[in-house]
Structures are given as C-alpha cells and as structure tokens.
N, C-alpha and C. Protein backbone atom coordinates (compact mmCIF):
# COMPACT_ATOMS: atom_id res chain seq x y z
N MET A 1 82.59 -13.76 3.97
CA MET A 1 82.32 -12.34 4.12
C MET A 1 80.86 -12.02 3.80
N ILE A 2 80.34 -12.53 2.63
CA ILE A 2 78.95 -12.27 2.24
C ILE A 2 78.00 -12.94 3.22
N LYS A 3 78.32 -14.17 3.63
CA LYS A 3 77.46 -14.86 4.59
C LYS A 3 77.39 -14.08 5.89
N MET A 4 78.52 -13.52 6.31
CA MET A 4 78.55 -12.75 7.54
C MET A 4 77.68 -11.49 7.42
N ILE A 5 77.69 -10.85 6.26
CA ILE A 5 76.85 -9.67 6.02
C ILE A 5 75.38 -10.07 6.04
N ASN A 6 75.05 -11.19 5.36
CA ASN A 6 73.66 -11.67 5.36
C ASN A 6 73.18 -12.00 6.78
N ASP A 7 74.05 -12.63 7.58
CA ASP A 7 73.68 -12.94 8.96
C ASP A 7 73.43 -11.66 9.75
N ASP A 8 74.29 -10.65 9.54
CA ASP A 8 74.10 -9.38 10.23
C ASP A 8 72.80 -8.72 9.80
N LEU A 9 72.48 -8.76 8.49
CA LEU A 9 71.23 -8.17 8.01
C LEU A 9 70.03 -8.91 8.57
N ASP A 10 70.14 -10.24 8.67
CA ASP A 10 69.05 -11.02 9.28
C ASP A 10 68.79 -10.57 10.70
N LYS A 11 69.86 -10.31 11.44
CA LYS A 11 69.70 -9.88 12.83
C LYS A 11 69.05 -8.51 12.92
N ILE A 12 69.34 -7.65 11.95
CA ILE A 12 68.83 -6.28 11.98
C ILE A 12 67.40 -6.20 11.48
N TYR A 13 67.12 -6.83 10.34
CA TYR A 13 65.86 -6.59 9.64
C TYR A 13 64.80 -7.67 9.82
N ARG A 14 65.13 -8.78 10.37
CA ARG A 14 64.13 -9.85 10.51
C ARG A 14 63.79 -10.09 11.96
N ARG A 15 62.57 -10.56 12.13
CA ARG A 15 62.18 -10.97 13.47
C ARG A 15 62.97 -12.22 13.83
N PRO A 16 63.10 -12.49 15.10
CA PRO A 16 63.87 -13.67 15.51
C PRO A 16 63.33 -14.97 14.93
N THR A 17 62.03 -15.06 14.72
CA THR A 17 61.47 -16.31 14.18
C THR A 17 61.74 -16.47 12.70
N GLN A 18 62.19 -15.40 12.03
CA GLN A 18 62.48 -15.49 10.60
C GLN A 18 63.95 -15.76 10.33
N SER A 19 64.81 -15.66 11.30
CA SER A 19 66.24 -15.87 11.10
C SER A 19 66.50 -17.30 10.68
N SER A 20 67.53 -17.48 9.88
CA SER A 20 67.86 -18.82 9.42
C SER A 20 68.25 -19.68 10.61
N GLY A 21 67.86 -20.93 10.56
CA GLY A 21 68.16 -21.85 11.63
C GLY A 21 67.11 -21.89 12.72
N THR A 22 66.18 -20.95 12.70
CA THR A 22 65.12 -20.93 13.71
C THR A 22 63.91 -21.68 13.17
N VAL A 23 63.37 -22.54 13.96
CA VAL A 23 62.20 -23.28 13.56
C VAL A 23 60.97 -22.40 13.75
N THR A 24 60.20 -22.23 12.67
CA THR A 24 58.99 -21.40 12.78
C THR A 24 57.86 -22.23 13.36
N LYS A 25 57.04 -21.58 14.14
CA LYS A 25 55.90 -22.26 14.72
C LYS A 25 54.82 -22.41 13.67
N LYS A 26 54.16 -23.54 13.68
CA LYS A 26 53.05 -23.74 12.77
C LYS A 26 51.84 -22.99 13.29
N LYS A 27 51.09 -22.42 12.36
CA LYS A 27 49.90 -21.67 12.73
C LYS A 27 48.87 -22.61 13.34
N ASP A 28 48.25 -22.16 14.38
CA ASP A 28 47.20 -22.93 15.02
C ASP A 28 46.03 -23.05 14.06
N GLU A 29 45.62 -24.25 13.75
CA GLU A 29 44.54 -24.49 12.78
C GLU A 29 43.22 -23.88 13.25
N LYS A 30 42.98 -23.86 14.55
CA LYS A 30 41.73 -23.31 15.05
C LYS A 30 41.70 -21.79 14.96
N ALA A 31 42.87 -21.16 14.92
CA ALA A 31 42.92 -19.70 14.84
C ALA A 31 42.45 -19.20 13.47
N ARG A 32 42.54 -20.04 12.46
CA ARG A 32 42.15 -19.64 11.11
C ARG A 32 40.73 -20.13 10.84
N HIS A 33 39.75 -19.46 11.43
CA HIS A 33 38.36 -19.89 11.28
C HIS A 33 37.62 -19.11 10.22
N LYS A 34 38.22 -18.07 9.66
CA LYS A 34 37.57 -17.29 8.61
C LYS A 34 37.98 -17.89 7.27
N ASN A 35 37.28 -18.94 6.86
CA ASN A 35 37.67 -19.63 5.63
C ASN A 35 36.58 -19.63 4.57
N VAL A 36 35.53 -18.84 4.75
CA VAL A 36 34.44 -18.77 3.79
C VAL A 36 34.61 -17.50 2.96
N ILE A 37 34.47 -17.62 1.64
CA ILE A 37 34.63 -16.49 0.74
C ILE A 37 33.27 -16.10 0.19
N ILE A 38 32.98 -14.79 0.19
CA ILE A 38 31.74 -14.27 -0.38
C ILE A 38 32.13 -13.33 -1.51
N ASN A 39 31.61 -13.58 -2.70
CA ASN A 39 31.90 -12.74 -3.87
C ASN A 39 30.61 -12.17 -4.44
N PHE A 40 30.69 -11.01 -5.05
CA PHE A 40 29.57 -10.45 -5.78
C PHE A 40 30.13 -9.49 -6.82
N ARG A 41 29.33 -9.19 -7.83
CA ARG A 41 29.77 -8.34 -8.93
C ARG A 41 29.07 -6.99 -8.85
N VAL A 42 29.83 -5.94 -9.19
CA VAL A 42 29.30 -4.58 -9.26
C VAL A 42 29.90 -3.89 -10.48
N THR A 43 29.33 -2.75 -10.83
CA THR A 43 29.89 -1.97 -11.93
C THR A 43 31.15 -1.26 -11.44
N ALA A 44 31.92 -0.76 -12.37
CA ALA A 44 33.16 -0.06 -12.03
C ALA A 44 32.88 1.18 -11.19
N SER A 45 31.81 1.91 -11.54
CA SER A 45 31.49 3.12 -10.79
C SER A 45 31.05 2.80 -9.36
N VAL A 46 30.28 1.74 -9.19
CA VAL A 46 29.86 1.34 -7.84
C VAL A 46 31.07 0.87 -7.04
N LYS A 47 31.99 0.15 -7.67
CA LYS A 47 33.22 -0.29 -7.00
C LYS A 47 34.01 0.90 -6.49
N ASP A 48 34.12 1.93 -7.33
CA ASP A 48 34.85 3.14 -6.92
C ASP A 48 34.20 3.78 -5.70
N LEU A 49 32.86 3.84 -5.70
CA LEU A 49 32.15 4.42 -4.55
C LEU A 49 32.36 3.59 -3.29
N ILE A 50 32.29 2.27 -3.43
CA ILE A 50 32.50 1.38 -2.28
C ILE A 50 33.93 1.52 -1.76
N ASP A 51 34.90 1.52 -2.67
CA ASP A 51 36.30 1.66 -2.26
C ASP A 51 36.53 2.98 -1.52
N GLU A 52 35.88 4.04 -1.98
CA GLU A 52 36.03 5.34 -1.33
C GLU A 52 35.44 5.30 0.08
N ARG A 53 34.28 4.69 0.24
CA ARG A 53 33.66 4.57 1.58
C ARG A 53 34.54 3.74 2.50
N ILE A 54 35.13 2.66 1.96
CA ILE A 54 36.02 1.82 2.77
C ILE A 54 37.24 2.62 3.19
N ARG A 55 37.82 3.36 2.24
CA ARG A 55 39.01 4.16 2.54
C ARG A 55 38.71 5.19 3.64
N LEU A 56 37.57 5.86 3.52
CA LEU A 56 37.20 6.88 4.50
C LEU A 56 36.86 6.29 5.87
N SER A 57 36.39 5.04 5.88
CA SER A 57 36.04 4.42 7.16
C SER A 57 37.27 4.03 7.96
N GLY A 58 38.38 3.78 7.27
CA GLY A 58 39.59 3.35 7.96
C GLY A 58 39.61 1.87 8.28
N LEU A 59 38.59 1.14 7.84
CA LEU A 59 38.50 -0.30 8.08
C LEU A 59 39.07 -1.06 6.89
N ASN A 60 39.43 -2.33 7.11
CA ASN A 60 39.78 -3.15 5.96
C ASN A 60 38.49 -3.63 5.30
N LYS A 61 38.58 -4.16 4.08
CA LYS A 61 37.38 -4.52 3.33
C LYS A 61 36.52 -5.55 4.05
N ALA A 62 37.15 -6.58 4.58
CA ALA A 62 36.38 -7.64 5.25
C ALA A 62 35.60 -7.08 6.43
N THR A 63 36.24 -6.27 7.24
CA THR A 63 35.56 -5.68 8.40
C THR A 63 34.46 -4.74 7.96
N PHE A 64 34.74 -3.92 6.94
CA PHE A 64 33.74 -2.97 6.44
C PHE A 64 32.48 -3.70 5.98
N PHE A 65 32.64 -4.73 5.13
CA PHE A 65 31.47 -5.44 4.62
C PHE A 65 30.75 -6.20 5.72
N THR A 66 31.48 -6.78 6.64
CA THR A 66 30.85 -7.50 7.75
C THR A 66 30.03 -6.54 8.60
N GLU A 67 30.62 -5.41 8.97
CA GLU A 67 29.91 -4.41 9.78
C GLU A 67 28.69 -3.88 9.03
N ALA A 68 28.87 -3.59 7.74
CA ALA A 68 27.77 -3.04 6.95
C ALA A 68 26.61 -4.03 6.85
N CYS A 69 26.92 -5.29 6.64
CA CYS A 69 25.86 -6.30 6.48
C CYS A 69 25.18 -6.65 7.79
N LEU A 70 25.93 -6.70 8.86
CA LEU A 70 25.35 -7.15 10.13
C LEU A 70 24.71 -6.04 10.96
N TYR A 71 25.25 -4.83 10.90
CA TYR A 71 24.83 -3.82 11.86
C TYR A 71 24.16 -2.59 11.26
N ASN A 72 24.12 -2.46 9.96
CA ASN A 72 23.46 -1.31 9.36
C ASN A 72 22.06 -1.68 8.91
N LYS A 73 21.21 -0.68 8.87
CA LYS A 73 19.84 -0.89 8.43
C LYS A 73 19.83 -1.10 6.92
N ILE A 74 19.17 -2.14 6.48
CA ILE A 74 19.10 -2.48 5.08
C ILE A 74 17.71 -2.13 4.56
N LEU A 75 17.64 -1.44 3.46
CA LEU A 75 16.36 -1.08 2.85
C LEU A 75 15.92 -2.23 1.95
N VAL A 76 14.79 -2.83 2.27
CA VAL A 76 14.26 -3.95 1.50
C VAL A 76 13.13 -3.43 0.63
N LYS A 77 13.26 -3.63 -0.65
CA LYS A 77 12.20 -3.26 -1.58
C LYS A 77 11.47 -4.56 -1.93
N GLY A 78 10.20 -4.60 -1.54
CA GLY A 78 9.44 -5.82 -1.70
C GLY A 78 9.17 -6.16 -3.16
N ASN A 79 9.32 -7.43 -3.46
CA ASN A 79 8.91 -7.98 -4.73
C ASN A 79 8.41 -9.39 -4.46
N ILE A 80 7.93 -10.05 -5.46
CA ILE A 80 7.33 -11.38 -5.27
C ILE A 80 8.34 -12.37 -4.70
N LYS A 81 9.59 -12.26 -5.11
CA LYS A 81 10.62 -13.17 -4.61
C LYS A 81 10.86 -12.94 -3.12
N THR A 82 10.94 -11.67 -2.72
CA THR A 82 11.13 -11.33 -1.31
C THR A 82 10.00 -11.86 -0.45
N PHE A 83 8.77 -11.61 -0.88
CA PHE A 83 7.62 -12.05 -0.09
C PHE A 83 7.50 -13.56 -0.05
N ASP A 84 7.90 -14.24 -1.12
CA ASP A 84 7.86 -15.70 -1.14
C ASP A 84 8.84 -16.27 -0.11
N VAL A 85 10.04 -15.72 -0.07
CA VAL A 85 11.04 -16.19 0.90
C VAL A 85 10.57 -15.91 2.33
N LEU A 86 10.03 -14.70 2.56
CA LEU A 86 9.52 -14.36 3.88
C LEU A 86 8.38 -15.30 4.31
N LYS A 87 7.47 -15.59 3.37
CA LYS A 87 6.34 -16.47 3.68
C LYS A 87 6.82 -17.86 4.06
N LYS A 88 7.77 -18.40 3.30
CA LYS A 88 8.28 -19.74 3.60
C LYS A 88 8.96 -19.78 4.97
N GLN A 89 9.74 -18.73 5.27
CA GLN A 89 10.43 -18.69 6.55
C GLN A 89 9.44 -18.52 7.69
N LEU A 90 8.43 -17.67 7.50
CA LEU A 90 7.41 -17.50 8.53
C LEU A 90 6.62 -18.78 8.76
N ASP A 91 6.31 -19.51 7.68
CA ASP A 91 5.63 -20.80 7.82
C ASP A 91 6.46 -21.77 8.65
N SER A 92 7.76 -21.79 8.39
CA SER A 92 8.65 -22.66 9.15
C SER A 92 8.69 -22.28 10.63
N ILE A 93 8.75 -20.98 10.90
CA ILE A 93 8.76 -20.50 12.28
C ILE A 93 7.43 -20.77 12.96
N ALA A 94 6.32 -20.57 12.25
CA ALA A 94 4.99 -20.83 12.81
C ALA A 94 4.84 -22.31 13.17
N GLU A 95 5.36 -23.18 12.33
CA GLU A 95 5.30 -24.63 12.60
C GLU A 95 6.09 -24.95 13.86
N LYS A 96 7.24 -24.33 14.01
CA LYS A 96 8.07 -24.54 15.20
C LYS A 96 7.35 -24.04 16.45
N ILE A 97 6.69 -22.88 16.35
CA ILE A 97 5.95 -22.33 17.49
C ILE A 97 4.77 -23.22 17.84
N ASN A 98 4.08 -23.77 16.83
CA ASN A 98 2.93 -24.64 17.08
C ASN A 98 3.34 -25.95 17.76
N THR A 99 4.52 -26.46 17.46
CA THR A 99 4.96 -27.70 18.09
C THR A 99 5.52 -27.47 19.48
N SER A 100 6.15 -26.30 19.68
CA SER A 100 6.70 -25.97 21.00
C SER A 100 6.59 -24.47 21.21
N CYS A 101 5.87 -24.08 22.21
CA CYS A 101 5.67 -22.65 22.48
C CYS A 101 6.88 -22.02 23.16
N ASN A 102 7.86 -22.82 23.50
CA ASN A 102 9.04 -22.33 24.19
C ASN A 102 10.05 -21.78 23.17
N LEU A 103 10.28 -20.47 23.21
CA LEU A 103 11.19 -19.85 22.26
C LEU A 103 12.64 -20.26 22.47
N SER A 104 12.96 -20.81 23.63
CA SER A 104 14.33 -21.27 23.86
C SER A 104 14.64 -22.53 23.05
N ASP A 105 13.61 -23.16 22.46
CA ASP A 105 13.83 -24.32 21.61
C ASP A 105 14.30 -23.92 20.21
N PHE A 106 14.24 -22.63 19.89
CA PHE A 106 14.69 -22.16 18.59
C PHE A 106 16.21 -22.30 18.47
N THR A 107 16.67 -22.66 17.29
CA THR A 107 18.10 -22.64 17.03
C THR A 107 18.52 -21.18 16.86
N PRO A 108 19.80 -20.87 17.00
CA PRO A 108 20.24 -19.48 16.79
C PRO A 108 19.89 -18.95 15.39
N GLU A 109 19.93 -19.83 14.39
CA GLU A 109 19.59 -19.42 13.03
C GLU A 109 18.12 -19.06 12.90
N GLU A 110 17.25 -19.86 13.54
CA GLU A 110 15.82 -19.58 13.51
C GLU A 110 15.50 -18.28 14.25
N ALA A 111 16.15 -18.08 15.37
CA ALA A 111 15.93 -16.84 16.14
C ALA A 111 16.39 -15.63 15.34
N GLU A 112 17.52 -15.75 14.67
CA GLU A 112 18.03 -14.65 13.86
C GLU A 112 17.11 -14.39 12.67
N SER A 113 16.58 -15.44 12.05
CA SER A 113 15.63 -15.27 10.95
C SER A 113 14.39 -14.52 11.41
N LEU A 114 13.88 -14.89 12.56
CA LEU A 114 12.70 -14.22 13.11
C LEU A 114 13.00 -12.75 13.41
N ARG A 115 14.17 -12.48 13.98
CA ARG A 115 14.57 -11.10 14.27
C ARG A 115 14.65 -10.27 12.99
N ILE A 116 15.23 -10.84 11.94
CA ILE A 116 15.37 -10.12 10.67
C ILE A 116 13.99 -9.86 10.05
N ILE A 117 13.13 -10.85 10.08
CA ILE A 117 11.78 -10.69 9.52
C ILE A 117 11.02 -9.60 10.27
N LEU A 118 11.10 -9.61 11.59
CA LEU A 118 10.44 -8.58 12.38
C LEU A 118 11.02 -7.20 12.10
N GLU A 119 12.32 -7.14 11.90
CA GLU A 119 12.97 -5.87 11.55
C GLU A 119 12.47 -5.35 10.21
N ILE A 120 12.32 -6.25 9.24
CA ILE A 120 11.82 -5.86 7.92
C ILE A 120 10.40 -5.33 8.02
N PHE A 121 9.54 -6.07 8.75
CA PHE A 121 8.15 -5.64 8.88
C PHE A 121 8.03 -4.32 9.64
N SER A 122 8.84 -4.16 10.68
CA SER A 122 8.76 -2.90 11.43
C SER A 122 9.23 -1.73 10.57
N SER A 123 10.21 -1.95 9.68
CA SER A 123 10.65 -0.86 8.81
C SER A 123 9.57 -0.52 7.78
N LEU A 124 8.73 -1.49 7.38
CA LEU A 124 7.64 -1.21 6.47
C LEU A 124 6.61 -0.31 7.12
N TYR A 125 6.33 -0.54 8.41
CA TYR A 125 5.35 0.27 9.12
C TYR A 125 5.88 1.65 9.44
N GLU A 126 7.20 1.78 9.63
CA GLU A 126 7.80 3.11 9.90
C GLU A 126 7.68 4.03 8.70
N GLU A 127 7.73 3.46 7.48
CA GLU A 127 7.66 4.27 6.27
C GLU A 127 6.26 4.84 6.07
N ASN A 128 5.23 4.15 6.51
CA ASN A 128 3.84 4.59 6.28
C ASN A 128 3.39 5.52 7.33
C-alpha cells in the first residue's frame, strides 16, 4: 500500500528521469565549462550594497559580476603599481609589434590587453 502511494507520488511530483527504475543521463562533461572560481573580500556594508544592486538587476550573481567586469566602464586610479603593470604590458606589446607589424599575429589575450590599455588611456584624456 505505501509503495503504491510512493509510486503514485513519484508519477505526480517527479520528472520522468527522476522516477525510480529510470536510468539518469550523465551530464555532458563539455557542458560544464564554468569551473573557475573567483573570490574577493568586502566589508559587510559593501556586500549589502552589492547584493541590493544584484537583486534590483534581476540577474544571478555570476552573470551580474561577469557583465559588470566585462562590459561596464571601470574607473582606474593611477598609482605606481598600475603604471608599472601597464608599462610592462606595453613593452611586451611593443616587442611583438617590432618583430611583426601584422596585428593578426597577436593572440586574443594580447589583443584584449592592448584594447584595455587603450581604453584606460582614452579615459584619462576624457577627464582632462
């Protein structure tokens, strides 16, 4: 009697792949490509502000942070560390340009670095 009730409940409340006796399909390994974790620390008040912005956006946290980092304008405040990193990256790009003037020889990472550096410099000139 109880088994019959459980079977009936399985039919009502579970998807067909969850019913007992059904073999579940294994997840495609290639479909799970988001396997890198990024962590950072903030104060409780900043966390509350971020959570509120995420809630109002209607996005999940991963999408919100990805969109914010990739597509929003970032304000860079120059300091010695920032300029040192920019100088090293520009030196690397200049060396690549000197060896081959063809920009199609750039890797996607090098092209993206150059784009970001140019974006930073153009934002510095817009402020003045």
